[in-house]
PDB file of N, CA and C in Angstrom:
ATOM      1  N   UNK A   1      86.360  22.349 -86.416  1.00  0.00           N
ATOM      2  CA  UNK A   1      86.991  23.386 -87.186  1.00  0.00           C
ATOM      3  C   UNK A   1      86.426  24.709 -86.719  1.00  0.00           C
ATOM      4  N   UNK A   2      87.278  25.658 -86.331  1.00  0.00           N
ATOM      5  CA  UNK A   2      86.791  26.920 -85.796  1.00  0.00           C
ATOM      6  C   UNK A   2      87.509  28.078 -86.466  1.00  0.00           C
ATOM      7  N   UNK A   3      86.724  29.069 -86.904  1.00  0.00           N
ATOM      8  CA  UNK A   3      87.288  30.251 -87.525  1.00  0.00           C
ATOM      9  C   UNK A   3      87.740  31.221 -86.444  1.00  0.00           C
ATOM     10  N   UNK A   4      88.761  32.000 -86.755  1.00  0.00           N
ATOM     11  CA  UNK A   4      89.188  33.005 -85.788  1.00  0.00           C
ATOM     12  C   UNK A   4      88.120  34.086 -85.705  1.00  0.00           C
ATOM     13  N   UNK A   5      88.105  34.796 -84.588  1.00  0.00           N
ATOM     14  CA  UNK A   5      87.104  35.840 -84.382  1.00  0.00           C
ATOM     15  C   UNK A   5      87.219  36.922 -85.450  1.00  0.00           C
ATOM     16  N   UNK A   6      88.447  37.227 -85.866  1.00  0.00           N
ATOM     17  CA  UNK A   6      88.668  38.242 -86.884  1.00  0.00           C
ATOM     18  C   UNK A   6      88.018  37.834 -88.206  1.00  0.00           C
ATOM     19  N   UNK A   7      88.180  36.574 -88.600  1.00  0.00           N
ATOM     20  CA  UNK A   7      87.604  36.079 -89.854  1.00  0.00           C
ATOM     21  C   UNK A   7      86.080  36.113 -89.771  1.00  0.00           C
ATOM     22  N   UNK A   8      85.528  35.684 -88.647  1.00  0.00           N
ATOM     23  CA  UNK A   8      84.076  35.694 -88.478  1.00  0.00           C
ATOM     24  C   UNK A   8      83.545  37.111 -88.579  1.00  0.00           C
ATOM     25  N   UNK A   9      84.224  38.060 -87.932  1.00  0.00           N
ATOM     26  CA  UNK A   9      83.787  39.455 -87.996  1.00  0.00           C
ATOM     27  C   UNK A   9      83.850  39.994 -89.421  1.00  0.00           C
ATOM     28  N   UNK A  10      84.896  39.637 -90.151  1.00  0.00           N
ATOM     29  CA  UNK A  10      84.995  40.104 -91.535  1.00  0.00           C
ATOM     30  C   UNK A  10      83.898  39.505 -92.396  1.00  0.00           C
ATOM     31  N   UNK A  11      83.520  38.235 -92.122  1.00  0.00           N
ATOM     32  CA  UNK A  11      82.438  37.602 -92.886  1.00  0.00           C
ATOM     33  C   UNK A  11      81.093  38.252 -92.570  1.00  0.00           C
ATOM     34  N   UNK A  12      80.912  38.664 -91.323  1.00  0.00           N
ATOM     35  CA  UNK A  12      79.653  39.287 -90.913  1.00  0.00           C
ATOM     36  C   UNK A  12      79.511  40.692 -91.479  1.00  0.00           C
ATOM     37  N   UNK A  13      80.631  41.356 -91.706  1.00  0.00           N
ATOM     38  CA  UNK A  13      80.626  42.734 -92.166  1.00  0.00           C
ATOM     39  C   UNK A  13      79.919  42.814 -93.516  1.00  0.00           C
ATOM     40  N   UNK A  14      79.007  43.775 -93.655  1.00  0.00           N
ATOM     41  CA  UNK A  14      78.251  43.897 -94.905  1.00  0.00           C
ATOM     42  C   UNK A  14      79.145  44.412 -96.022  1.00  0.00           C
ATOM     43  N   UNK A  15      78.799  44.082 -97.280  1.00  0.00           N
ATOM     44  CA  UNK A  15      79.616  44.563 -98.408  1.00  0.00           C
ATOM     45  C   UNK A  15      79.675  46.083 -98.464  1.00  0.00           C
ATOM     46  N   UNK A  16      78.608  46.790 -98.082  1.00  0.00           N
ATOM     47  CA  UNK A  16      78.623  48.250 -98.120  1.00  0.00           C
ATOM     48  C   UNK A  16      79.622  48.803 -97.120  1.00  0.00           C
ATOM     49  N   UNK A  17      79.640  48.249 -95.912  1.00  0.00           N
ATOM     50  CA  UNK A  17      80.576  48.769 -94.918  1.00  0.00           C
ATOM     51  C   UNK A  17      82.010  48.429 -95.308  1.00  0.00           C
ATOM     52  N   UNK A  18      82.216  47.302 -95.997  1.00  0.00           N
ATOM     53  CA  UNK A  18      83.560  46.963 -96.465  1.00  0.00           C
ATOM     54  C   UNK A  18      84.036  48.015 -97.454  1.00  0.00           C
ATOM     55  N   UNK A  19      83.153  48.365 -98.406  1.00  0.00           N
ATOM     56  CA  UNK A  19      83.537  49.348 -99.411  1.00  0.00           C
ATOM     57  C   UNK A  19      83.815  50.697 -98.767  1.00  0.00           C
ATOM     58  N   UNK A  20      83.000  51.069 -97.790  1.00  0.00           N
ATOM     59  CA  UNK A  20      83.191  52.355 -97.122  1.00  0.00           C
ATOM     60  C   UNK A  20      84.529  52.381 -96.385  1.00  0.00           C
ATOM     61  N   UNK A  21      84.888  51.266 -95.754  1.00  0.00           N
ATOM     62  CA  UNK A  21      86.146  51.194 -95.014  1.00  0.00           C
ATOM     63  C   UNK A  21      87.358  51.162 -95.940  1.00  0.00           C
ATOM     64  N   UNK A  22      87.191  50.662 -97.150  1.00  0.00           N
ATOM     65  CA  UNK A  22      88.326  50.482 -98.036  1.00  0.00           C
ATOM     66  C   UNK A  22      88.607  51.709 -98.888  1.00  0.00           C
ATOM     67  N   UNK A  23      87.657  52.623 -99.021  1.00  0.00           N
ATOM     68  CA  UNK A  23      87.881  53.833 -99.815  1.00  0.00           C
ATOM     69  C   UNK A  23      88.805  54.773 -99.058  1.00  0.00           C
ATOM     70  N   UNK A  24      89.662  55.398 -99.788  1.00  0.00           N
ATOM     71  CA  UNK A  24      90.588  56.359 -99.192  1.00  0.00           C
ATOM     72  C   UNK A  24      90.204  57.747 -99.687  1.00  0.00           C
ATOM     73  N   UNK A  25      89.619  58.585 -98.840  1.00  0.00           N
ATOM     74  CA  UNK A  25      89.202  59.918 -99.308  1.00  0.00           C
ATOM     75  C   UNK A  25      90.411  60.761 -99.676  1.00  0.00           C
ATOM     76  N   UNK A  26      90.260  61.570-100.705  1.00  0.00           N
ATOM     77  CA  UNK A  26      91.353  62.435-101.174  1.00  0.00           C
ATOM     78  C   UNK A  26      91.001  63.890-100.894  1.00  0.00           C
ATOM     79  N   UNK A  27      92.006  64.706-100.665  1.00  0.00           N
ATOM     80  CA  UNK A  27      91.771  66.132-100.473  1.00  0.00           C
ATOM     81  C   UNK A  27      91.538  66.779-101.833  1.00  0.00           C
ATOM     82  N   UNK A  28      91.232  68.058-101.846  1.00  0.00           N
ATOM     83  CA  UNK A  28      90.898  68.747-103.098  1.00  0.00           C
ATOM     84  C   UNK A  28      92.072  68.766-104.077  1.00  0.00           C
ATOM     85  N   UNK A  29      93.304  68.690-103.583  1.00  0.00           N
ATOM     86  CA  UNK A  29      94.446  68.709-104.491  1.00  0.00           C
ATOM     87  C   UNK A  29      94.804  67.321-105.022  1.00  0.00           C
ATOM     88  N   UNK A  30      94.042  66.304-104.628  1.00  0.00           N
ATOM     89  CA  UNK A  30      94.267  64.952-105.138  1.00  0.00           C
ATOM     90  C   UNK A  30      95.246  64.156-104.322  1.00  0.00           C
ATOM     91  N   UNK A  31      95.859  64.743-103.303  1.00  0.00           N
ATOM     92  CA  UNK A  31      96.817  64.023-102.470  1.00  0.00           C
ATOM     93  C   UNK A  31      96.062  63.214-101.421  1.00  0.00           C
ATOM     94  N   UNK A  32      96.670  62.181-100.979  1.00  0.00           N
ATOM     95  CA  UNK A  32      96.060  61.346 -99.948  1.00  0.00           C
ATOM     96  C   UNK A  32      96.037  62.111 -98.637  1.00  0.00           C
ATOM     97  N   UNK A  33      95.078  61.871 -97.776  1.00  0.00           N
ATOM     98  CA  UNK A  33      95.030  62.561 -96.494  1.00  0.00           C
ATOM     99  C   UNK A  33      96.213  62.173 -95.618  1.00  0.00           C
ATOM    100  N   UNK A  34      96.441  62.962 -94.585  1.00  0.00           N
ATOM    101  CA  UNK A  34      97.612  62.726 -93.736  1.00  0.00           C
ATOM    102  C   UNK A  34      97.416  61.547 -92.789  1.00  0.00           C
ATOM    103  N   UNK A  35      96.174  61.069 -92.610  1.00  0.00           N
ATOM    104  CA  UNK A  35      95.957  59.933 -91.712  1.00  0.00           C
ATOM    105  C   UNK A  35      96.521  58.660 -92.342  1.00  0.00           C
ATOM    106  N   UNK A  36      96.946  57.702 -91.509  1.00  0.00           N
ATOM    107  CA  UNK A  36      97.532  56.471 -92.046  1.00  0.00           C
ATOM    108  C   UNK A  36      96.473  55.647 -92.765  1.00  0.00           C
ATOM    109  N   UNK A  37      96.876  54.791 -93.714  1.00  0.00           N
ATOM    110  CA  UNK A  37      95.917  53.960 -94.423  1.00  0.00           C
ATOM    111  C   UNK A  37      95.277  52.962 -93.449  1.00  0.00           C
ATOM    112  N   UNK A  38      94.103  52.475 -93.836  1.00  0.00           N
ATOM    113  CA  UNK A  38      93.396  51.514 -92.990  1.00  0.00           C
ATOM    114  C   UNK A  38      94.262  50.277 -92.785  1.00  0.00           C
ATOM    115  N   UNK A  39      94.152  49.704 -91.613  1.00  0.00           N
ATOM    116  CA  UNK A  39      94.953  48.520 -91.292  1.00  0.00           C
ATOM    117  C   UNK A  39      94.608  47.398 -92.255  1.00  0.00           C
ATOM    118  N   UNK A  40      95.608  46.673 -92.733  1.00  0.00           N
ATOM    119  CA  UNK A  40      95.377  45.564 -93.652  1.00  0.00           C
ATOM    120  C   UNK A  40      95.284  46.020 -95.099  1.00  0.00           C
ATOM    121  N   UNK A  41      95.407  47.297 -95.354  1.00  0.00           N
ATOM    122  CA  UNK A  41      95.344  47.819 -96.720  1.00  0.00           C
ATOM    123  C   UNK A  41      96.673  48.503 -97.035  1.00  0.00           C
ATOM    124  N   UNK A  42      97.716  47.731 -97.314  1.00  0.00           N
ATOM    125  CA  UNK A  42      99.020  48.350 -97.543  1.00  0.00           C
ATOM    126  C   UNK A  42      99.041  49.133 -98.843  1.00  0.00           C
ATOM    127  N   UNK A  43      99.934  50.138 -98.883  1.00  0.00           N
ATOM    128  CA  UNK A  43     100.095  50.925-100.097  1.00  0.00           C
ATOM    129  C   UNK A  43     100.935  50.149-101.091  1.00  0.00           C
ATOM    130  N   UNK A  44     100.742  50.470-102.352  1.00  0.00           N
ATOM    131  CA  UNK A  44     101.552  49.838-103.389  1.00  0.00           C
ATOM    132  C   UNK A  44     102.949  50.448-103.363  1.00  0.00           C
ATOM    133  N   UNK A  45     103.905  49.859-104.061  1.00  0.00           N
ATOM    134  CA  UNK A  45     105.273  50.394-104.038  1.00  0.00           C
ATOM    135  C   UNK A  45     105.350  51.842-104.493  1.00  0.00           C
ATOM    136  N   UNK A  46     104.422  52.299-105.335  1.00  0.00           N
ATOM    137  CA  UNK A  46     104.473  53.686-105.812  1.00  0.00           C
ATOM    138  C   UNK A  46     103.897  54.643-104.786  1.00  0.00           C
ATOM    139  N   UNK A  47     103.277  54.145-103.730  1.00  0.00           N
ATOM    140  CA  UNK A  47     102.729  54.998-102.692  1.00  0.00           C
ATOM    141  C   UNK A  47     101.252  55.278-102.877  1.00  0.00           C
ATOM    142  N   UNK A  48     100.648  54.802-103.967  1.00  0.00           N
ATOM    143  CA  UNK A  48      99.220  55.016-104.168  1.00  0.00           C
ATOM    144  C   UNK A  48      98.469  53.724-103.861  1.00  0.00           C
ATOM    145  N   UNK A  49      97.249  53.887-103.458  1.00  0.00           N
ATOM    146  CA  UNK A  49      96.432  52.728-103.116  1.00  0.00           C
ATOM    147  C   UNK A  49      95.428  52.516-104.239  1.00  0.00           C
ATOM    148  N   UNK A  50      95.296  51.294-104.679  1.00  0.00           N
ATOM    149  CA  UNK A  50      94.298  50.955-105.681  1.00  0.00           C
ATOM    150  C   UNK A  50      93.201  50.166-104.973  1.00  0.00           C
ATOM    151  N   UNK A  51      92.233  50.865-104.385  1.00  0.00           N
ATOM    152  CA  UNK A  51      91.253  50.178-103.548  1.00  0.00           C
ATOM    153  C   UNK A  51      90.412  49.158-104.310  1.00  0.00           C
ATOM    154  N   UNK A  52      90.061  49.442-105.558  1.00  0.00           N
ATOM    155  CA  UNK A  52      89.192  48.510-106.265  1.00  0.00           C
ATOM    156  C   UNK A  52      89.900  47.190-106.543  1.00  0.00           C
ATOM    157  N   UNK A  53      91.146  47.242-106.973  1.00  0.00           N
ATOM    158  CA  UNK A  53      91.874  45.994-107.250  1.00  0.00           C
ATOM    159  C   UNK A  53      92.188  45.244-105.969  1.00  0.00           C
ATOM    160  N   UNK A  54      92.741  45.953-105.003  1.00  0.00           N
ATOM    161  CA  UNK A  54      93.152  45.292-103.763  1.00  0.00           C
ATOM    162  C   UNK A  54      91.946  44.760-103.003  1.00  0.00           C
ATOM    163  N   UNK A  55      90.895  45.553-102.915  1.00  0.00           N
ATOM    164  CA  UNK A  55      89.730  45.103-102.154  1.00  0.00           C
ATOM    165  C   UNK A  55      89.049  43.944-102.858  1.00  0.00           C
ATOM    166  N   UNK A  56      88.939  44.007-104.184  1.00  0.00           N
ATOM    167  CA  UNK A  56      88.267  42.904-104.862  1.00  0.00           C
ATOM    168  C   UNK A  56      89.111  41.633-104.775  1.00  0.00           C
ATOM    169  N   UNK A  57      90.423  41.771-104.876  1.00  0.00           N
ATOM    170  CA  UNK A  57      91.285  40.590-104.752  1.00  0.00           C
ATOM    171  C   UNK A  57      91.193  40.026-103.332  1.00  0.00           C
ATOM    172  N   UNK A  58      91.207  40.921-102.346  1.00  0.00           N
ATOM    173  CA  UNK A  58      91.106  40.472-100.957  1.00  0.00           C
ATOM    174  C   UNK A  58      89.741  39.845-100.701  1.00  0.00           C
ATOM    175  N   UNK A  59      88.704  40.466-101.230  1.00  0.00           N
ATOM    176  CA  UNK A  59      87.355  39.906-101.055  1.00  0.00           C
ATOM    177  C   UNK A  59      87.242  38.551-101.728  1.00  0.00           C
ATOM    178  N   UNK A  60      87.817  38.448-102.924  1.00  0.00           N
ATOM    179  CA  UNK A  60      87.767  37.162-103.630  1.00  0.00           C
ATOM    180  C   UNK A  60      88.512  36.085-102.845  1.00  0.00           C
ATOM    181  N   UNK A  61      89.681  36.429-102.339  1.00  0.00           N
ATOM    182  CA  UNK A  61      90.449  35.460-101.558  1.00  0.00           C
ATOM    183  C   UNK A  61      89.697  35.074-100.294  1.00  0.00           C
ATOM    184  N   UNK A  62      89.106  36.058 -99.629  1.00  0.00           N
ATOM    185  CA  UNK A  62      88.325  35.791 -98.429  1.00  0.00           C
ATOM    186  C   UNK A  62      87.130  34.896 -98.753  1.00  0.00           C
ATOM    187  N   UNK A  63      86.469  35.163 -99.877  1.00  0.00           N
ATOM    188  CA  UNK A  63      85.324  34.352-100.269  1.00  0.00           C
ATOM    189  C   UNK A  63      85.760  32.931-100.624  1.00  0.00           C
ATOM    190  N   UNK A  64      86.890  32.790-101.329  1.00  0.00           N
ATOM    191  CA  UNK A  64      87.400  31.447-101.656  1.00  0.00           C
ATOM    192  C   UNK A  64      87.721  30.681-100.370  1.00  0.00           C
ATOM    193  N   UNK A  65      88.323  31.370 -99.415  1.00  0.00           N
ATOM    194  CA  UNK A  65      88.638  30.733 -98.133  1.00  0.00           C
ATOM    195  C   UNK A  65      87.354  30.317 -97.412  1.00  0.00           C
ATOM    196  N   UNK A  66      86.371  31.217 -97.435  1.00  0.00           N
ATOM    197  CA  UNK A  66      85.072  30.897 -96.841  1.00  0.00           C
ATOM    198  C   UNK A  66      84.473  29.661 -97.497  1.00  0.00           C
ATOM    199  N   UNK A  67      84.516  29.595 -98.836  1.00  0.00           N
ATOM    200  CA  UNK A  67      83.951  28.440 -99.536  1.00  0.00           C
ATOM    201  C   UNK A  67      84.686  27.154 -99.165  1.00  0.00           C
ATOM    202  N   UNK A  68      86.019  27.203 -99.078  1.00  0.00           N
ATOM    203  CA  UNK A  68      86.791  26.014 -98.696  1.00  0.00           C
ATOM    204  C   UNK A  68      86.411  25.564 -97.292  1.00  0.00           C
ATOM    205  N   UNK A  69      86.350  26.528 -96.369  1.00  0.00           N
ATOM    206  CA  UNK A  69      86.013  26.188 -94.990  1.00  0.00           C
ATOM    207  C   UNK A  69      84.583  25.677 -94.889  1.00  0.00           C
ATOM    208  N   UNK A  70      83.684  26.274 -95.667  1.00  0.00           N
ATOM    209  CA  UNK A  70      82.289  25.825 -95.677  1.00  0.00           C
ATOM    210  C   UNK A  70      82.212  24.387 -96.187  1.00  0.00           C
ATOM    211  N   UNK A  71      82.963  24.080 -97.234  1.00  0.00           N
ATOM    212  CA  UNK A  71      82.975  22.719 -97.770  1.00  0.00           C
ATOM    213  C   UNK A  71      83.512  21.734 -96.727  1.00  0.00           C
ATOM    214  N   UNK A  72      84.564  22.129 -96.008  1.00  0.00           N
ATOM    215  CA  UNK A  72      85.108  21.265 -94.962  1.00  0.00           C
ATOM    216  C   UNK A  72      84.086  21.018 -93.857  1.00  0.00           C
ATOM    217  N   UNK A  73      83.374  22.063 -93.474  1.00  0.00           N
ATOM    218  CA  UNK A  73      82.351  21.925 -92.434  1.00  0.00           C
ATOM    219  C   UNK A  73      81.245  20.990 -92.918  1.00  0.00           C
ATOM    220  N   UNK A  74      80.817  21.158 -94.184  1.00  0.00           N
ATOM    221  CA  UNK A  74      79.771  20.298 -94.729  1.00  0.00           C
ATOM    222  C   UNK A  74      80.230  18.837 -94.767  1.00  0.00           C
ATOM    223  N   UNK A  75      81.476  18.610 -95.161  1.00  0.00           N
ATOM    224  CA  UNK A  75      82.006  17.237 -95.185  1.00  0.00           C
ATOM    225  C   UNK A  75      82.002  16.630 -93.783  1.00  0.00           C
ATOM    226  N   UNK A  76      82.415  17.420 -92.801  1.00  0.00           N
ATOM    227  CA  UNK A  76      82.442  16.931 -91.424  1.00  0.00           C
ATOM    228  C   UNK A  76      81.028  16.628 -90.934  1.00  0.00           C
ATOM    229  N   UNK A  77      80.076  17.473 -91.271  1.00  0.00           N
ATOM    230  CA  UNK A  77      78.684  17.215 -90.887  1.00  0.00           C
ATOM    231  C   UNK A  77      78.163  15.930 -91.529  1.00  0.00           C
ATOM    232  N   UNK A  78      78.531  15.699 -92.779  1.00  0.00           N
ATOM    233  CA  UNK A  78      78.112  14.461 -93.448  1.00  0.00           C
ATOM    234  C   UNK A  78      78.729  13.238 -92.770  1.00  0.00           C
ATOM    235  N   UNK A  79      80.018  13.344 -92.402  1.00  0.00           N
ATOM    236  CA  UNK A  79      80.672  12.230 -91.704  1.00  0.00           C
ATOM    237  C   UNK A  79      79.992  11.954 -90.361  1.00  0.00           C
ATOM    238  N   UNK A  80      79.684  13.028 -89.635  1.00  0.00           N
ATOM    239  CA  UNK A  80      79.015  12.855 -88.336  1.00  0.00           C
ATOM    240  C   UNK A  80      77.638  12.229 -88.507  1.00  0.00           C
ATOM    241  N   UNK A  81      76.892  12.683 -89.496  1.00  0.00           N
ATOM    242  CA  UNK A  81      75.558  12.132 -89.738  1.00  0.00           C
ATOM    243  C   UNK A  81      75.648  10.649 -90.101  1.00  0.00           C
ATOM    244  N   UNK A  82      76.653  10.302 -90.902  1.00  0.00           N
ATOM    245  CA  UNK A  82      76.832   8.899 -91.289  1.00  0.00           C
ATOM    246  C   UNK A  82      77.161   8.051 -90.060  1.00  0.00           C
ATOM    247  N   UNK A  83      78.067   8.555 -89.199  1.00  0.00           N
ATOM    248  CA  UNK A  83      78.408   7.828 -87.972  1.00  0.00           C
ATOM    249  C   UNK A  83      77.199   7.651 -87.070  1.00  0.00           C
ATOM    250  N   UNK A  84      76.386   8.710 -86.962  1.00  0.00           N
ATOM    251  CA  UNK A  84      75.190   8.621 -86.125  1.00  0.00           C
ATOM    252  C   UNK A  84      74.194   7.598 -86.684  1.00  0.00           C
ATOM    253  N   UNK A  85      74.022   7.582 -88.006  1.00  0.00           N
ATOM    254  CA  UNK A  85      73.127   6.592 -88.623  1.00  0.00           C
ATOM    255  C   UNK A  85      73.635   5.182 -88.364  1.00  0.00           C
ATOM    256  N   UNK A  86      74.950   4.993 -88.514  1.00  0.00           N
ATOM    257  CA  UNK A  86      75.523   3.664 -88.279  1.00  0.00           C
ATOM    258  C   UNK A  86      75.344   3.243 -86.821  1.00  0.00           C
ATOM    259  N   UNK A  87      75.576   4.165 -85.905  1.00  0.00           N
ATOM    260  CA  UNK A  87      75.417   3.853 -84.482  1.00  0.00           C
ATOM    261  C   UNK A  87      73.965   3.533 -84.160  1.00  0.00           C
ATOM    262  N   UNK A  88      73.048   4.292 -84.738  1.00  0.00           N
ATOM    263  CA  UNK A  88      71.624   4.027 -84.505  1.00  0.00           C
ATOM    264  C   UNK A  88      71.242   2.671 -85.080  1.00  0.00           C
ATOM    265  N   UNK A  89      71.780   2.338 -86.245  1.00  0.00           N
ATOM    266  CA  UNK A  89      71.507   1.032 -86.855  1.00  0.00           C
ATOM    267  C   UNK A  89      72.046  -0.103 -85.997  1.00  0.00           C
ATOM    268  N   UNK A  90      73.242   0.078 -85.468  1.00  0.00           N
ATOM    269  CA  UNK A  90      73.821  -0.946 -84.597  1.00  0.00           C
ATOM    270  C   UNK A  90      73.006  -1.118 -83.325  1.00  0.00           C
ATOM    271  N   UNK A  91      72.556  -0.001 -82.747  1.00  0.00           N
ATOM    272  CA  UNK A  91      71.735  -0.075 -81.535  1.00  0.00           C
ATOM    273  C   UNK A  91      70.420  -0.781 -81.835  1.00  0.00           C
ATOM    274  N   UNK A  92      69.837  -0.496 -82.975  1.00  0.00           N
ATOM    275  CA  UNK A  92      68.583  -1.147 -83.362  1.00  0.00           C
ATOM    276  C   UNK A  92      68.793  -2.642 -83.566  1.00  0.00           C
ATOM    277  N   UNK A  93      69.872  -3.012 -84.237  1.00  0.00           N
ATOM    278  CA  UNK A  93      70.166  -4.436 -84.441  1.00  0.00           C
ATOM    279  C   UNK A  93      70.374  -5.152 -83.115  1.00  0.00           C
ATOM    280  N   UNK A  94      71.061  -4.512 -82.188  1.00  0.00           N
ATOM    281  CA  UNK A  94      71.282  -5.128 -80.879  1.00  0.00           C
ATOM    282  C   UNK A  94      69.954  -5.306 -80.151  1.00  0.00           C
ATOM    283  N   UNK A  95      69.086  -4.299 -80.219  1.00  0.00           N
ATOM    284  CA  UNK A  95      67.777  -4.399 -79.559  1.00  0.00           C
ATOM    285  C   UNK A  95      66.939  -5.506 -80.201  1.00  0.00           C
ATOM    286  N   UNK A  96      66.979  -5.599 -81.506  1.00  0.00           N
ATOM    287  CA  UNK A  96      66.230  -6.663 -82.189  1.00  0.00           C
ATOM    288  C   UNK A  96      66.752  -8.047 -81.807  1.00  0.00           C
ATOM    289  N   UNK A  97      68.067  -8.180 -81.709  1.00  0.00           N
ATOM    290  CA  UNK A  97      68.652  -9.465 -81.326  1.00  0.00           C
ATOM    291  C   UNK A  97      68.244  -9.847 -79.905  1.00  0.00           C
ATOM    292  N   UNK A  98      68.245  -8.865 -78.975  1.00  0.00           N
ATOM    293  CA  UNK A  98      67.793  -9.138 -77.602  1.00  0.00           C
ATOM    294  C   UNK A  98      66.340  -9.596 -77.590  1.00  0.00           C
ATOM    295  N   UNK A  99      65.510  -8.947 -78.378  1.00  0.00           N
ATOM    296  CA  UNK A  99      64.092  -9.327 -78.439  1.00  0.00           C
ATOM    297  C   UNK A  99      63.928 -10.736 -78.997  1.00  0.00           C
ATOM    298  N   UNK A 100      64.705 -11.080 -80.014  1.00  0.00           N
ATOM    299  CA  UNK A 100      64.643 -12.448 -80.565  1.00  0.00           C
ATOM    300  C   UNK A 100      65.061 -13.465 -79.509  1.00  0.00           C
ATOM    301  N   UNK A 101      66.147 -13.147 -78.803  1.00  0.00           N
ATOM    302  CA  UNK A 101      66.613 -14.056 -77.753  1.00  0.00           C
ATOM    303  C   UNK A 101      65.555 -14.215 -76.662  1.00  0.00           C
ATOM    304  N   UNK A 102      64.955 -13.090 -76.246  1.00  0.00           N
ATOM    305  CA  UNK A 102      63.904 -13.165 -75.225  1.00  0.00           C
ATOM    306  C   UNK A 102      62.722 -13.985 -75.721  1.00  0.00           C
ATOM    307  N   UNK A 103      62.321 -13.819 -76.968  1.00  0.00           N
ATOM    308  CA  UNK A 103      61.201 -14.578 -77.524  1.00  0.00           C
ATOM    309  C   UNK A 103      61.541 -16.070 -77.557  1.00  0.00           C
ATOM    310  N   UNK A 104      62.778 -16.417 -77.931  1.00  0.00           N
ATOM    311  CA  UNK A 104      63.193 -17.828 -77.955  1.00  0.00           C
ATOM    312  C   UNK A 104      63.171 -18.426 -76.549  1.00  0.00           C
ATOM    313  N   UNK A 105      63.663 -17.660 -75.560  1.00  0.00           N
ATOM    314  CA  UNK A 105      63.647 -18.153 -74.180  1.00  0.00           C
ATOM    315  C   UNK A 105      62.223 -18.366 -73.693  1.00  0.00           C
ATOM    316  N   UNK A 106      61.339 -17.456 -74.027  1.00  0.00           N
ATOM    317  CA  UNK A 106      59.933 -17.602 -73.631  1.00  0.00           C
ATOM    318  C   UNK A 106      59.329 -18.845 -74.264  1.00  0.00           C
ATOM    319  N   UNK A 107      59.622 -19.097 -75.521  1.00  0.00           N
ATOM    320  CA  UNK A 107      59.104 -20.301 -76.198  1.00  0.00           C
ATOM    321  C   UNK A 107      59.634 -21.563 -75.513  1.00  0.00           C
ATOM    322  N   UNK A 108      60.926 -21.549 -75.175  1.00  0.00           N
ATOM    323  CA  UNK A 108      61.511 -22.720 -74.508  1.00  0.00           C
ATOM    324  C   UNK A 108      60.865 -22.951 -73.140  1.00  0.00           C
ATOM    325  N   UNK A 109      60.668 -21.877 -72.384  1.00  0.00           N
ATOM    326  CA  UNK A 109      60.016 -22.013 -71.075  1.00  0.00           C
ATOM    327  C   UNK A 109      58.594 -22.532 -71.222  1.00  0.00           C
ATOM    328  N   UNK A 110      57.900 -22.006 -72.219  1.00  0.00           N
ATOM    329  CA  UNK A 110      56.522 -22.456 -72.447  1.00  0.00           C
ATOM    330  C   UNK A 110      56.508 -23.937 -72.824  1.00  0.00           C
ATOM    331  N   UNK A 111      57.458 -24.343 -73.648  1.00  0.00           N
ATOM    332  CA  UNK A 111      57.518 -25.765 -74.058  1.00  0.00           C
ATOM    333  C   UNK A 111      57.834 -26.632 -72.839  1.00  0.00           C
ATOM    334  N   UNK A 112      58.736 -26.171 -71.954  1.00  0.00           N
ATOM    335  CA  UNK A 112      59.067 -26.939 -70.748  1.00  0.00           C
ATOM    336  C   UNK A 112      57.861 -27.052 -69.828  1.00  0.00           C
ATOM    337  N   UNK A 113      57.120 -25.955 -69.681  1.00  0.00           N
ATOM    338  CA  UNK A 113      55.939 -26.000 -68.820  1.00  0.00           C
ATOM    339  C   UNK A 113      54.915 -26.986 -69.363  1.00  0.00           C
ATOM    340  N   UNK A 114      54.736 -27.000 -70.663  1.00  0.00           N
ATOM    341  CA  UNK A 114      53.778 -27.921 -71.281  1.00  0.00           C
ATOM    342  C   UNK A 114      54.248 -29.362 -71.044  1.00  0.00           C
ATOM    343  N   UNK A 115      55.541 -29.610 -71.183  1.00  0.00           N
ATOM    344  CA  UNK A 115      56.048 -30.979 -71.009  1.00  0.00           C
ATOM    345  C   UNK A 115      55.976 -31.417 -69.553  1.00  0.00           C
ATOM    346  N   UNK A 116      56.098 -30.508 -68.558  1.00  0.00           N
ATOM    347  CA  UNK A 116      55.989 -30.859 -67.148  1.00  0.00           C
ATOM    348  C   UNK A 116      54.550 -31.225 -66.790  1.00  0.00           C
ATOM    349  N   UNK A 117      53.595 -30.556 -67.411  1.00  0.00           N
ATOM    350  CA  UNK A 117      52.183 -30.798 -67.098  1.00  0.00           C
ATOM    351  C   UNK A 117      51.700 -32.130 -67.643  1.00  0.00           C
ATOM    352  N   UNK A 118      52.363 -32.675 -68.615  1.00  0.00           N
ATOM    353  CA  UNK A 118      51.915 -33.932 -69.218  1.00  0.00           C
ATOM    354  C   UNK A 118      52.318 -35.098 -68.425  1.00  0.00           C
TER     355      UNK A 118
END
């Protein structure tokens, strides 16, 4: 599971810089400046921007998405760890079985040698 570079950058961005980027400075007469609004921050139908509502809703949605993705990553890590434990257990069982077989063969050879000497 891989996040897009844009999402990762937004997650890395500090809350202070997010707030600074989302504020829209006003001129002395209260009108919005002539520069276009920040990308991803559309104006409301009335033409005014409500940065606190929109930013908090966007931040909440981004955080919920982060939590969902984090949970998915944790689940995948647990599945991988379980598979690795099972594989290690199987390898150990196979090694133990080989050792038992080798020990049995050695006992049989030893018994044959004893019987030949008699």
